[in-house]
PDB file of N, CA and C in Angstrom:
ATOM      1  N   MET A   1       0.231   4.463  21.247  1.00  0.00           N
ATOM      2  CA  MET A   1       0.420   3.096  20.808  1.00  0.00           C
ATOM      3  C   MET A   1       1.287   3.116  19.561  1.00  0.00           C
ATOM      4  N   GLY A   2       2.383   2.382  19.555  1.00  0.00           N
ATOM      5  CA  GLY A   2       3.320   2.431  18.445  1.00  0.00           C
ATOM      6  C   GLY A   2       3.264   1.190  17.585  1.00  0.00           C
ATOM      7  N   GLY A   3       4.196   1.134  16.653  1.00  0.00           N
ATOM      8  CA  GLY A   3       4.309  -0.035  15.819  1.00  0.00           C
ATOM      9  C   GLY A   3       3.449  -0.034  14.579  1.00  0.00           C
ATOM     10  N   TYR A   4       2.765   1.047  14.295  1.00  0.00           N
ATOM     11  CA  TYR A   4       1.916   1.125  13.119  1.00  0.00           C
ATOM     12  C   TYR A   4       2.543   2.060  12.093  1.00  0.00           C
ATOM     13  N   VAL A   5       2.454   1.656  10.824  1.00  0.00           N
ATOM     14  CA  VAL A   5       2.897   2.486   9.709  1.00  0.00           C
ATOM     15  C   VAL A   5       1.807   2.425   8.652  1.00  0.00           C
ATOM     16  N   ILE A   6       1.480   3.570   8.074  1.00  0.00           N
ATOM     17  CA  ILE A   6       0.525   3.604   6.972  1.00  0.00           C
ATOM     18  C   ILE A   6       1.202   4.194   5.747  1.00  0.00           C
ATOM     19  N   TRP A   7       1.087   3.479   4.623  1.00  0.00           N
ATOM     20  CA  TRP A   7       1.478   4.043   3.338  1.00  0.00           C
ATOM     21  C   TRP A   7       0.267   4.828   2.865  1.00  0.00           C
ATOM     22  N   HIS A   8       0.400   6.130   2.896  1.00  0.00           N
ATOM     23  CA  HIS A   8      -0.722   7.063   2.797  1.00  0.00           C
ATOM     24  C   HIS A   8      -0.576   7.972   1.588  1.00  0.00           C
ATOM     25  N   LYS A   9      -1.709   8.329   0.995  1.00  0.00           N
ATOM     26  CA  LYS A   9      -1.746   9.367  -0.040  1.00  0.00           C
ATOM     27  C   LYS A   9      -2.760  10.399   0.438  1.00  0.00           C
ATOM     28  N   PRO A  10      -2.300  11.584   0.823  1.00  0.00           N
ATOM     29  CA  PRO A  10      -3.176  12.576   1.444  1.00  0.00           C
ATOM     30  C   PRO A  10      -4.392  12.971   0.614  1.00  0.00           C
ATOM     31  N   THR A  11      -4.317  12.879  -0.711  1.00  0.00           N
ATOM     32  CA  THR A  11      -5.452  13.276  -1.546  1.00  0.00           C
ATOM     33  C   THR A  11      -6.466  12.157  -1.753  1.00  0.00           C
ATOM     34  N   CYS A  12      -6.211  10.989  -1.211  1.00  0.00           N
ATOM     35  CA  CYS A  12      -7.096   9.827  -1.384  1.00  0.00           C
ATOM     36  C   CYS A  12      -8.078   9.743  -0.218  1.00  0.00           C
ATOM     37  N   SER A  13      -9.368   9.750  -0.518  1.00  0.00           N
ATOM     38  CA  SER A  13     -10.379   9.719   0.552  1.00  0.00           C
ATOM     39  C   SER A  13     -10.318   8.405   1.332  1.00  0.00           C
ATOM     40  N   THR A  14     -10.050   7.296   0.681  1.00  0.00           N
ATOM     41  CA  THR A  14      -9.936   6.020   1.387  1.00  0.00           C
ATOM     42  C   THR A  14      -8.758   6.053   2.354  1.00  0.00           C
ATOM     43  N   SER A  15      -7.648   6.587   1.893  1.00  0.00           N
ATOM     44  CA  SER A  15      -6.465   6.683   2.738  1.00  0.00           C
ATOM     45  C   SER A  15      -6.726   7.600   3.934  1.00  0.00           C
ATOM     46  N   ARG A  16      -7.404   8.704   3.708  1.00  0.00           N
ATOM     47  CA  ARG A  16      -7.729   9.616   4.816  1.00  0.00           C
ATOM     48  C   ARG A  16      -8.668   8.940   5.819  1.00  0.00           C
ATOM     49  N   PHE A  17      -9.643   8.166   5.346  1.00  0.00           N
ATOM     50  CA  PHE A  17     -10.558   7.432   6.227  1.00  0.00           C
ATOM     51  C   PHE A  17      -9.773   6.479   7.125  1.00  0.00           C
ATOM     52  N   VAL A  18      -8.854   5.728   6.513  1.00  0.00           N
ATOM     53  CA  VAL A  18      -8.083   4.731   7.270  1.00  0.00           C
ATOM     54  C   VAL A  18      -7.192   5.410   8.305  1.00  0.00           C
ATOM     55  N   LEU A  19      -6.545   6.499   7.932  1.00  0.00           N
ATOM     56  CA  LEU A  19      -5.704   7.226   8.884  1.00  0.00           C
ATOM     57  C   LEU A  19      -6.548   7.752  10.039  1.00  0.00           C
ATOM     58  N   ALA A  20      -7.715   8.300   9.747  1.00  0.00           N
ATOM     59  CA  ALA A  20      -8.601   8.802  10.805  1.00  0.00           C
ATOM     60  C   ALA A  20      -9.065   7.662  11.715  1.00  0.00           C
ATOM     61  N   ALA A  21      -9.365   6.509  11.130  1.00  0.00           N
ATOM     62  CA  ALA A  21      -9.809   5.363  11.939  1.00  0.00           C
ATOM     63  C   ALA A  21      -8.704   4.914  12.886  1.00  0.00           C
ATOM     64  N   LEU A  22      -7.469   4.897  12.406  1.00  0.00           N
ATOM     65  CA  LEU A  22      -6.345   4.545  13.272  1.00  0.00           C
ATOM     66  C   LEU A  22      -6.236   5.525  14.429  1.00  0.00           C
ATOM     67  N   ARG A  23      -6.257   6.806  14.099  1.00  0.00           N
ATOM     68  CA  ARG A  23      -6.119   7.824  15.144  1.00  0.00           C
ATOM     69  C   ARG A  23      -7.293   7.801  16.113  1.00  0.00           C
ATOM     70  N   ASP A  24      -8.507   7.555  15.609  1.00  0.00           N
ATOM     71  CA  ASP A  24      -9.681   7.474  16.490  1.00  0.00           C
ATOM     72  C   ASP A  24      -9.576   6.300  17.456  1.00  0.00           C
ATOM     73  N   ALA A  25      -8.837   5.268  17.061  1.00  0.00           N
ATOM     74  CA  ALA A  25      -8.649   4.098  17.922  1.00  0.00           C
ATOM     75  C   ALA A  25      -7.472   4.282  18.883  1.00  0.00           C
ATOM     76  N   GLY A  26      -6.864   5.466  18.870  1.00  0.00           N
ATOM     77  CA  GLY A  26      -5.763   5.740  19.777  1.00  0.00           C
ATOM     78  C   GLY A  26      -4.401   5.340  19.225  1.00  0.00           C
ATOM     79  N   VAL A  27      -4.343   5.028  17.950  1.00  0.00           N
ATOM     80  CA  VAL A  27      -3.088   4.645  17.306  1.00  0.00           C
ATOM     81  C   VAL A  27      -2.458   5.896  16.701  1.00  0.00           C
ATOM     82  N   ASP A  28      -1.184   6.087  16.949  1.00  0.00           N
ATOM     83  CA  ASP A  28      -0.440   7.205  16.368  1.00  0.00           C
ATOM     84  C   ASP A  28       0.558   6.621  15.363  1.00  0.00           C
ATOM     85  N   PRO A  29       0.091   6.370  14.127  1.00  0.00           N
ATOM     86  CA  PRO A  29       0.953   5.681  13.175  1.00  0.00           C
ATOM     87  C   PRO A  29       2.033   6.579  12.591  1.00  0.00           C
ATOM     88  N   VAL A  30       3.089   5.956  12.129  1.00  0.00           N
ATOM     89  CA  VAL A  30       4.050   6.649  11.272  1.00  0.00           C
ATOM     90  C   VAL A  30       3.358   6.777   9.926  1.00  0.00           C
ATOM     91  N   VAL A  31       3.258   7.990   9.423  1.00  0.00           N
ATOM     92  CA  VAL A  31       2.571   8.241   8.162  1.00  0.00           C
ATOM     93  C   VAL A  31       3.624   8.431   7.072  1.00  0.00           C
ATOM     94  N   ARG A  32       3.597   7.546   6.105  1.00  0.00           N
ATOM     95  CA  ARG A  32       4.544   7.634   4.991  1.00  0.00           C
ATOM     96  C   ARG A  32       3.773   7.958   3.715  1.00  0.00           C
ATOM     97  N   ASP A  33       4.015   9.150   3.194  1.00  0.00           N
ATOM     98  CA  ASP A  33       3.452   9.515   1.896  1.00  0.00           C
ATOM     99  C   ASP A  33       4.262   8.736   0.871  1.00  0.00           C
ATOM    100  N   TYR A  34       3.718   7.605   0.454  1.00  0.00           N
ATOM    101  CA  TYR A  34       4.502   6.682  -0.360  1.00  0.00           C
ATOM    102  C   TYR A  34       4.757   7.192  -1.778  1.00  0.00           C
ATOM    103  N   VAL A  35       4.058   8.244  -2.200  1.00  0.00           N
ATOM    104  CA  VAL A  35       4.339   8.833  -3.511  1.00  0.00           C
ATOM    105  C   VAL A  35       5.542   9.775  -3.399  1.00  0.00           C
ATOM    106  N   ALA A  36       5.569  10.576  -2.340  1.00  0.00           N
ATOM    107  CA  ALA A  36       6.690  11.493  -2.112  1.00  0.00           C
ATOM    108  C   ALA A  36       7.937  10.742  -1.632  1.00  0.00           C
ATOM    109  N   ASP A  37       7.727   9.634  -0.907  1.00  0.00           N
ATOM    110  CA  ASP A  37       8.822   8.831  -0.347  1.00  0.00           C
ATOM    111  C   ASP A  37       8.586   7.373  -0.742  1.00  0.00           C
ATOM    112  N   PRO A  38       8.828   7.046  -2.020  1.00  0.00           N
ATOM    113  CA  PRO A  38       8.464   5.711  -2.499  1.00  0.00           C
ATOM    114  C   PRO A  38       9.277   4.591  -1.874  1.00  0.00           C
ATOM    115  N   PRO A  39       8.635   3.455  -1.649  1.00  0.00           N
ATOM    116  CA  PRO A  39       9.369   2.303  -1.144  1.00  0.00           C
ATOM    117  C   PRO A  39      10.290   1.743  -2.230  1.00  0.00           C
ATOM    118  N   SER A  40      11.404   1.207  -1.800  1.00  0.00           N
ATOM    119  CA  SER A  40      12.341   0.556  -2.714  1.00  0.00           C
ATOM    120  C   SER A  40      11.769  -0.789  -3.147  1.00  0.00           C
ATOM    121  N   ALA A  41      12.412  -1.394  -4.134  1.00  0.00           N
ATOM    122  CA  ALA A  41      12.005  -2.728  -4.563  1.00  0.00           C
ATOM    123  C   ALA A  41      12.096  -3.715  -3.392  1.00  0.00           C
ATOM    124  N   ALA A  42      13.142  -3.594  -2.576  1.00  0.00           N
ATOM    125  CA  ALA A  42      13.286  -4.492  -1.421  1.00  0.00           C
ATOM    126  C   ALA A  42      12.157  -4.271  -0.416  1.00  0.00           C
ATOM    127  N   GLU A  43      11.798  -3.018  -0.171  1.00  0.00           N
ATOM    128  CA  GLU A  43      10.680  -2.732   0.746  1.00  0.00           C
ATOM    129  C   GLU A  43       9.372  -3.268   0.188  1.00  0.00           C
ATOM    130  N   LEU A  44       9.188  -3.152  -1.116  1.00  0.00           N
ATOM    131  CA  LEU A  44       7.975  -3.694  -1.734  1.00  0.00           C
ATOM    132  C   LEU A  44       7.924  -5.209  -1.593  1.00  0.00           C
ATOM    133  N   ARG A  45       9.047  -5.881  -1.791  1.00  0.00           N
ATOM    134  CA  ARG A  45       9.064  -7.342  -1.626  1.00  0.00           C
ATOM    135  C   ARG A  45       8.704  -7.729  -0.192  1.00  0.00           C
ATOM    136  N   ALA A  46       9.257  -7.007   0.779  1.00  0.00           N
ATOM    137  CA  ALA A  46       8.944  -7.284   2.187  1.00  0.00           C
ATOM    138  C   ALA A  46       7.467  -7.017   2.474  1.00  0.00           C
ATOM    139  N   ALA A  47       6.946  -5.927   1.927  1.00  0.00           N
ATOM    140  CA  ALA A  47       5.536  -5.596   2.130  1.00  0.00           C
ATOM    141  C   ALA A  47       4.644  -6.677   1.526  1.00  0.00           C
ATOM    142  N   LEU A  48       4.965  -7.120   0.327  1.00  0.00           N
ATOM    143  CA  LEU A  48       4.168  -8.177  -0.306  1.00  0.00           C
ATOM    144  C   LEU A  48       4.180  -9.448   0.538  1.00  0.00           C
ATOM    145  N   ALA A  49       5.327  -9.794   1.101  1.00  0.00           N
ATOM    146  CA  ALA A  49       5.405 -10.971   1.974  1.00  0.00           C
ATOM    147  C   ALA A  49       4.529 -10.777   3.205  1.00  0.00           C
ATOM    148  N   ASP A  50       4.590  -9.592   3.817  1.00  0.00           N
ATOM    149  CA  ASP A  50       3.770  -9.305   5.001  1.00  0.00           C
ATOM    150  C   ASP A  50       2.279  -9.340   4.670  1.00  0.00           C
ATOM    151  N   LEU A  51       1.934  -8.856   3.483  1.00  0.00           N
ATOM    152  CA  LEU A  51       0.532  -8.789   3.065  1.00  0.00           C
ATOM    153  C   LEU A  51       0.007 -10.123   2.551  1.00  0.00           C
ATOM    154  N   GLY A  52       0.926 -11.023   2.183  1.00  0.00           N
ATOM    155  CA  GLY A  52       0.504 -12.287   1.585  1.00  0.00           C
ATOM    156  C   GLY A  52      -0.058 -12.085   0.184  1.00  0.00           C
ATOM    157  N   LEU A  53       0.488 -11.102  -0.524  1.00  0.00           N
ATOM    158  CA  LEU A  53       0.014 -10.785  -1.877  1.00  0.00           C
ATOM    159  C   LEU A  53       1.128 -10.978  -2.893  1.00  0.00           C
ATOM    160  N   THR A  54       0.723 -11.157  -4.134  1.00  0.00           N
ATOM    161  CA  THR A  54       1.662 -11.073  -5.248  1.00  0.00           C
ATOM    162  C   THR A  54       1.717  -9.609  -5.669  1.00  0.00           C
ATOM    163  N   ALA A  55       2.677  -9.284  -6.517  1.00  0.00           N
ATOM    164  CA  ALA A  55       2.794  -7.910  -7.007  1.00  0.00           C
ATOM    165  C   ALA A  55       1.500  -7.481  -7.702  1.00  0.00           C
ATOM    166  N   ARG A  56       0.879  -8.368  -8.476  1.00  0.00           N
ATOM    167  CA  ARG A  56      -0.388  -8.009  -9.148  1.00  0.00           C
ATOM    168  C   ARG A  56      -1.463  -7.624  -8.145  1.00  0.00           C
ATOM    169  N   GLY A  57      -1.434  -8.233  -6.970  1.00  0.00           N
ATOM    170  CA  GLY A  57      -2.430  -7.928  -5.947  1.00  0.00           C
ATOM    171  C   GLY A  57      -2.271  -6.557  -5.326  1.00  0.00           C
ATOM    172  N   LEU A  58      -1.128  -5.930  -5.524  1.00  0.00           N
ATOM    173  CA  LEU A  58      -0.867  -4.608  -4.967  1.00  0.00           C
ATOM    174  C   LEU A  58      -0.832  -3.528  -6.056  1.00  0.00           C
ATOM    175  N   LEU A  59      -1.047  -3.939  -7.297  1.00  0.00           N
ATOM    176  CA  LEU A  59      -1.020  -2.985  -8.410  1.00  0.00           C
ATOM    177  C   LEU A  59      -2.322  -2.205  -8.497  1.00  0.00           C
ATOM    178  N   ARG A  60      -2.192  -0.904  -8.595  1.00  0.00           N
ATOM    179  CA  ARG A  60      -3.346  -0.028  -8.793  1.00  0.00           C
ATOM    180  C   ARG A  60      -3.431   0.320 -10.274  1.00  0.00           C
ATOM    181  N   ARG A  61      -4.620   0.267 -10.807  1.00  0.00           N
ATOM    182  CA  ARG A  61      -4.820   0.556 -12.224  1.00  0.00           C
ATOM    183  C   ARG A  61      -5.365   1.963 -12.449  1.00  0.00           C
ATOM    184  N   LYS A  62      -6.368   2.330 -11.670  1.00  0.00           N
ATOM    185  CA  LYS A  62      -7.059   3.606 -11.856  1.00  0.00           C
ATOM    186  C   LYS A  62      -6.138   4.799 -11.561  1.00  0.00           C
ATOM    187  N   GLY A  63      -6.072   5.725 -12.516  1.00  0.00           N
ATOM    188  CA  GLY A  63      -5.309   6.948 -12.305  1.00  0.00           C
ATOM    189  C   GLY A  63      -3.809   6.740 -12.262  1.00  0.00           C
ATOM    190  N   THR A  64      -3.328   5.668 -12.923  1.00  0.00           N
ATOM    191  CA  THR A  64      -1.901   5.340 -12.907  1.00  0.00           C
ATOM    192  C   THR A  64      -1.421   5.088 -14.336  1.00  0.00           C
ATOM    193  N   PRO A  65      -0.106   4.937 -14.513  1.00  0.00           N
ATOM    194  CA  PRO A  65       0.410   4.594 -15.845  1.00  0.00           C
ATOM    195  C   PRO A  65       0.338   3.094 -16.166  1.00  0.00           C
ATOM    196  N   PHE A  66      -0.539   2.356 -15.502  1.00  0.00           N
ATOM    197  CA  PHE A  66      -0.669   0.909 -15.674  1.00  0.00           C
ATOM    198  C   PHE A  66      -0.791   0.527 -17.153  1.00  0.00           C
ATOM    199  N   ASP A  67      -1.753   1.121 -17.851  1.00  0.00           N
ATOM    200  CA  ASP A  67      -1.970   0.771 -19.263  1.00  0.00           C
ATOM    201  C   ASP A  67      -0.823   1.249 -20.144  1.00  0.00           C
ATOM    202  N   ASP A  68      -0.363   2.469 -19.902  1.00  0.00           N
ATOM    203  CA  ASP A  68       0.735   3.016 -20.715  1.00  0.00           C
ATOM    204  C   ASP A  68       1.990   2.153 -20.618  1.00  0.00           C
ATOM    205  N   LEU A  69       2.207   1.538 -19.451  1.00  0.00           N
ATOM    206  CA  LEU A  69       3.384   0.701 -19.248  1.00  0.00           C
ATOM    207  C   LEU A  69       3.162  -0.758 -19.660  1.00  0.00           C
ATOM    208  N   GLY A  70       1.934  -1.080 -20.089  1.00  0.00           N
ATOM    209  CA  GLY A  70       1.639  -2.445 -20.520  1.00  0.00           C
ATOM    210  C   GLY A  70       1.683  -3.461 -19.399  1.00  0.00           C
ATOM    211  N   LEU A  71       1.294  -3.043 -18.184  1.00  0.00           N
ATOM    212  CA  LEU A  71       1.430  -3.929 -17.024  1.00  0.00           C
ATOM    213  C   LEU A  71       0.378  -5.027 -16.960  1.00  0.00           C
ATOM    214  N   GLY A  72      -0.597  -4.986 -17.852  1.00  0.00           N
ATOM    215  CA  GLY A  72      -1.577  -6.066 -17.917  1.00  0.00           C
ATOM    216  C   GLY A  72      -1.031  -7.315 -18.596  1.00  0.00           C
ATOM    217  N   ASP A  73       0.156  -7.224 -19.171  1.00  0.00           N
ATOM    218  CA  ASP A  73       0.786  -8.342 -19.869  1.00  0.00           C
ATOM    219  C   ASP A  73       1.075  -9.470 -18.883  1.00  0.00           C
ATOM    220  N   PRO A  74       0.432 -10.637 -19.063  1.00  0.00           N
ATOM    221  CA  PRO A  74       0.636 -11.734 -18.111  1.00  0.00           C
ATOM    222  C   PRO A  74       2.049 -12.309 -18.141  1.00  0.00           C
ATOM    223  N   ALA A  75       2.832 -11.970 -19.161  1.00  0.00           N
ATOM    224  CA  ALA A  75       4.201 -12.481 -19.243  1.00  0.00           C
ATOM    225  C   ALA A  75       5.160 -11.744 -18.309  1.00  0.00           C
ATOM    226  N   LEU A  76       4.737 -10.618 -17.753  1.00  0.00           N
ATOM    227  CA  LEU A  76       5.604  -9.857 -16.861  1.00  0.00           C
ATOM    228  C   LEU A  76       5.811 -10.623 -15.550  1.00  0.00           C
ATOM    229  N   SER A  77       7.041 -10.599 -15.076  1.00  0.00           N
ATOM    230  CA  SER A  77       7.387 -11.321 -13.842  1.00  0.00           C
ATOM    231  C   SER A  77       7.092 -10.457 -12.610  1.00  0.00           C
ATOM    232  N   GLU A  78       7.175 -11.100 -11.460  1.00  0.00           N
ATOM    233  CA  GLU A  78       7.059 -10.368 -10.183  1.00  0.00           C
ATOM    234  C   GLU A  78       8.100  -9.253 -10.136  1.00  0.00           C
ATOM    235  N   ASP A  79       9.337  -9.559 -10.524  1.00  0.00           N
ATOM    236  CA  ASP A  79      10.396  -8.554 -10.508  1.00  0.00           C
ATOM    237  C   ASP A  79      10.066  -7.384 -11.421  1.00  0.00           C
ATOM    238  N   ASP A  80       9.489  -7.669 -12.595  1.00  0.00           N
ATOM    239  CA  ASP A  80       9.100  -6.600 -13.523  1.00  0.00           C
ATOM    240  C   ASP A  80       8.062  -5.686 -12.869  1.00  0.00           C
ATOM    241  N   LEU A  81       7.066  -6.281 -12.240  1.00  0.00           N
ATOM    242  CA  LEU A  81       5.981  -5.504 -11.631  1.00  0.00           C
ATOM    243  C   LEU A  81       6.476  -4.715 -10.420  1.00  0.00           C
ATOM    244  N   ILE A  82       7.331  -5.333  -9.616  1.00  0.00           N
ATOM    245  CA  ILE A  82       7.896  -4.641  -8.455  1.00  0.00           C
ATOM    246  C   ILE A  82       8.755  -3.473  -8.915  1.00  0.00           C
ATOM    247  N   ALA A  83       9.549  -3.674  -9.947  1.00  0.00           N
ATOM    248  CA  ALA A  83      10.368  -2.581 -10.486  1.00  0.00           C
ATOM    249  C   ALA A  83       9.491  -1.440 -10.985  1.00  0.00           C
ATOM    250  N   ALA A  84       8.374  -1.767 -11.615  1.00  0.00           N
ATOM    251  CA  ALA A  84       7.457  -0.724 -12.093  1.00  0.00           C
ATOM    252  C   ALA A  84       6.862   0.055 -10.929  1.00  0.00           C
ATOM    253  N   MET A  85       6.477  -0.641  -9.858  1.00  0.00           N
ATOM    254  CA  MET A  85       5.910   0.043  -8.687  1.00  0.00           C
ATOM    255  C   MET A  85       6.959   0.911  -7.998  1.00  0.00           C
ATOM    256  N   ALA A  86       8.188   0.443  -7.950  1.00  0.00           N
ATOM    257  CA  ALA A  86       9.252   1.229  -7.319  1.00  0.00           C
ATOM    258  C   ALA A  86       9.529   2.496  -8.131  1.00  0.00           C
ATOM    259  N   ALA A  87       9.460   2.378  -9.449  1.00  0.00           N
ATOM    260  CA  ALA A  87       9.727   3.528 -10.322  1.00  0.00           C
ATOM    261  C   ALA A  87       8.539   4.474 -10.421  1.00  0.00           C
ATOM    262  N   HIS A  88       7.331   3.937 -10.271  1.00  0.00           N
ATOM    263  CA  HIS A  88       6.087   4.708 -10.412  1.00  0.00           C
ATOM    264  C   HIS A  88       5.194   4.395  -9.209  1.00  0.00           C
ATOM    265  N   PRO A  89       5.428   5.031  -8.061  1.00  0.00           N
ATOM    266  CA  PRO A  89       4.704   4.648  -6.843  1.00  0.00           C
ATOM    267  C   PRO A  89       3.186   4.818  -6.920  1.00  0.00           C
ATOM    268  N   LEU A  90       2.676   5.595  -7.872  1.00  0.00           N
ATOM    269  CA  LEU A  90       1.222   5.680  -8.030  1.00  0.00           C
ATOM    270  C   LEU A  90       0.620   4.320  -8.358  1.00  0.00           C
ATOM    271  N   LEU A  91       1.437   3.391  -8.833  1.00  0.00           N
ATOM    272  CA  LEU A  91       0.970   2.045  -9.149  1.00  0.00           C
ATOM    273  C   LEU A  91       0.694   1.208  -7.908  1.00  0.00           C
ATOM    274  N   ILE A  92       1.114   1.674  -6.747  1.00  0.00           N
ATOM    275  CA  ILE A  92       0.907   0.918  -5.506  1.00  0.00           C
ATOM    276  C   ILE A  92      -0.494   1.229  -4.977  1.00  0.00           C
ATOM    277  N   GLU A  93      -1.279   0.171  -4.816  1.00  0.00           N
ATOM    278  CA  GLU A  93      -2.627   0.352  -4.266  1.00  0.00           C
ATOM    279  C   GLU A  93      -2.514   0.857  -2.845  1.00  0.00           C
ATOM    280  N   ARG A  94      -3.474   1.611  -2.423  1.00  0.00           N
ATOM    281  CA  ARG A  94      -3.438   2.260  -1.121  1.00  0.00           C
ATOM    282  C   ARG A  94      -4.777   2.153  -0.419  1.00  0.00           C
ATOM    283  N   PRO A  95      -4.741   2.387   0.873  1.00  0.00           N
ATOM    284  CA  PRO A  95      -3.613   2.476   1.784  1.00  0.00           C
ATOM    285  C   PRO A  95      -3.204   1.096   2.290  1.00  0.00           C
ATOM    286  N   VAL A  96      -1.944   1.005   2.635  1.00  0.00           N
ATOM    287  CA  VAL A  96      -1.423  -0.215   3.253  1.00  0.00           C
ATOM    288  C   VAL A  96      -1.073   0.144   4.691  1.00  0.00           C
ATOM    289  N   VAL A  97      -1.519  -0.692   5.618  1.00  0.00           N
ATOM    290  CA  VAL A  97      -1.221  -0.476   7.033  1.00  0.00           C
ATOM    291  C   VAL A  97      -0.419  -1.665   7.545  1.00  0.00           C
ATOM    292  N   PHE A  98       0.699  -1.340   8.182  1.00  0.00           N
ATOM    293  CA  PHE A  98       1.546  -2.336   8.837  1.00  0.00           C
ATOM    294  C   PHE A  98       1.357  -2.144  10.336  1.00  0.00           C
ATOM    295  N   ALA A  99       1.048  -3.226  11.020  1.00  0.00           N
ATOM    296  CA  ALA A  99       0.742  -3.165  12.449  1.00  0.00           C
ATOM    297  C   ALA A  99       1.404  -4.333  13.157  1.00  0.00           C
ATOM    298  N   PRO A 100       1.461  -4.279  14.487  1.00  0.00           N
ATOM    299  CA  PRO A 100       2.033  -5.415  15.218  1.00  0.00           C
ATOM    300  C   PRO A 100       1.334  -6.738  14.888  1.00  0.00           C
ATOM    301  N   ALA A 101       0.038  -6.680  14.585  1.00  0.00           N
ATOM    302  CA  ALA A 101      -0.726  -7.895  14.310  1.00  0.00           C
ATOM    303  C   ALA A 101      -0.615  -8.358  12.858  1.00  0.00           C
ATOM    304  N   GLY A 102       0.064  -7.589  12.007  1.00  0.00           N
ATOM    305  CA  GLY A 102       0.187  -7.967  10.601  1.00  0.00           C
ATOM    306  C   GLY A 102       0.040  -6.754   9.696  1.00  0.00           C
ATOM    307  N   ALA A 103      -0.124  -7.022   8.436  1.00  0.00           N
ATOM    308  CA  ALA A 103      -0.270  -5.954   7.452  1.00  0.00           C
ATOM    309  C   ALA A 103      -1.530  -6.199   6.637  1.00  0.00           C
ATOM    310  N   VAL A 104      -2.172  -5.092   6.224  1.00  0.00           N
ATOM    311  CA  VAL A 104      -3.411  -5.193   5.465  1.00  0.00           C
ATOM    312  C   VAL A 104      -3.449  -4.100   4.406  1.00  0.00           C
ATOM    313  N   LEU A 105      -3.852  -4.485   3.194  1.00  0.00           N
ATOM    314  CA  LEU A 105      -4.228  -3.519   2.170  1.00  0.00           C
ATOM    315  C   LEU A 105      -5.672  -3.166   2.480  1.00  0.00           C
ATOM    316  N   CYS A 106      -5.914  -1.928   2.829  1.00  0.00           N
ATOM    317  CA  CYS A 106      -7.240  -1.504   3.306  1.00  0.00           C
ATOM    318  C   CYS A 106      -8.161  -1.146   2.144  1.00  0.00           C
ATOM    319  N   ARG A 107      -8.449  -2.130   1.340  1.00  0.00           N
ATOM    320  CA  ARG A 107      -9.431  -2.064   0.269  1.00  0.00           C
ATOM    321  C   ARG A 107     -10.333  -3.262   0.450  1.00  0.00           C
ATOM    322  N   PRO A 108     -11.566  -3.115   0.868  1.00  0.00           N
ATOM    323  CA  PRO A 108     -12.217  -1.852   1.192  1.00  0.00           C
ATOM    324  C   PRO A 108     -11.646  -1.239   2.472  1.00  0.00           C
ATOM    325  N   LYS A 109     -11.945   0.032   2.638  1.00  0.00           N
ATOM    326  CA  LYS A 109     -11.360   0.811   3.738  1.00  0.00           C
ATOM    327  C   LYS A 109     -11.659   0.223   5.105  1.00  0.00           C
ATOM    328  N   GLU A 110     -12.772  -0.470   5.247  1.00  0.00           N
ATOM    329  CA  GLU A 110     -13.157  -1.041   6.541  1.00  0.00           C
ATOM    330  C   GLU A 110     -12.207  -2.148   6.998  1.00  0.00           C
ATOM    331  N   ARG A 111     -11.357  -2.622   6.130  1.00  0.00           N
ATOM    332  CA  ARG A 111     -10.392  -3.663   6.514  1.00  0.00           C
ATOM    333  C   ARG A 111      -9.450  -3.169   7.605  1.00  0.00           C
ATOM    334  N   VAL A 112      -9.338  -1.842   7.761  1.00  0.00           N
ATOM    335  CA  VAL A 112      -8.473  -1.298   8.818  1.00  0.00           C
ATOM    336  C   VAL A 112      -8.905  -1.831  10.186  1.00  0.00           C
ATOM    337  N   HIS A 113     -10.180  -2.128  10.355  1.00  0.00           N
ATOM    338  CA  HIS A 113     -10.687  -2.593  11.641  1.00  0.00           C
ATOM    339  C   HIS A 113     -10.093  -3.949  12.034  1.00  0.00           C
ATOM    340  N   ASP A 114      -9.582  -4.701  11.041  1.00  0.00           N
ATOM    341  CA  ASP A 114      -8.927  -5.973  11.332  1.00  0.00           C
ATOM    342  C   ASP A 114      -7.634  -5.790  12.126  1.00  0.00           C
ATOM    343  N   LEU A 115      -7.068  -4.586  12.086  1.00  0.00           N
ATOM    344  CA  LEU A 115      -5.767  -4.333  12.721  1.00  0.00           C
ATOM    345  C   LEU A 115      -5.852  -3.495  13.983  1.00  0.00           C
ATOM    346  N   LEU A 116      -7.037  -3.007  14.281  1.00  0.00           N
ATOM    347  CA  LEU A 116      -7.149  -2.090  15.429  1.00  0.00           C
ATOM    348  C   LEU A 116      -7.096  -2.852  16.746  1.00  0.00           C
ATOM    349  N   PRO A 117      -6.514  -2.183  17.744  1.00  0.00           N
ATOM    350  CA  PRO A 117      -6.403  -2.838  19.058  1.00  0.00           C
ATOM    351  C   PRO A 117      -7.772  -3.020  19.705  1.00  0.00           C
TER     352      PRO A 117
END
């Protein structure tokens, strides 16, 4: 079954759970290690549109340079936040799954079930 892409981080237990759930459901997703192969600002904008999220909704705080970069500043624009995520992909919350039925940020991890065939 095609048409699925996961933005995956192999060391993340949530990301591994979601990838396993996809494969257990018979889905063979394209696996993109988004830290090793970061999405561009344009890809992030498209992903946010697919997810129905703002940049803040996709920002990860834990274990990232979020505080060091001052990203909690409410004066920062969407473009500022997207540029930060493109430059520092650890700031992108994970995992994100793109499927024929839509896209979902799988937090909590069980949200992957919303996309399974």
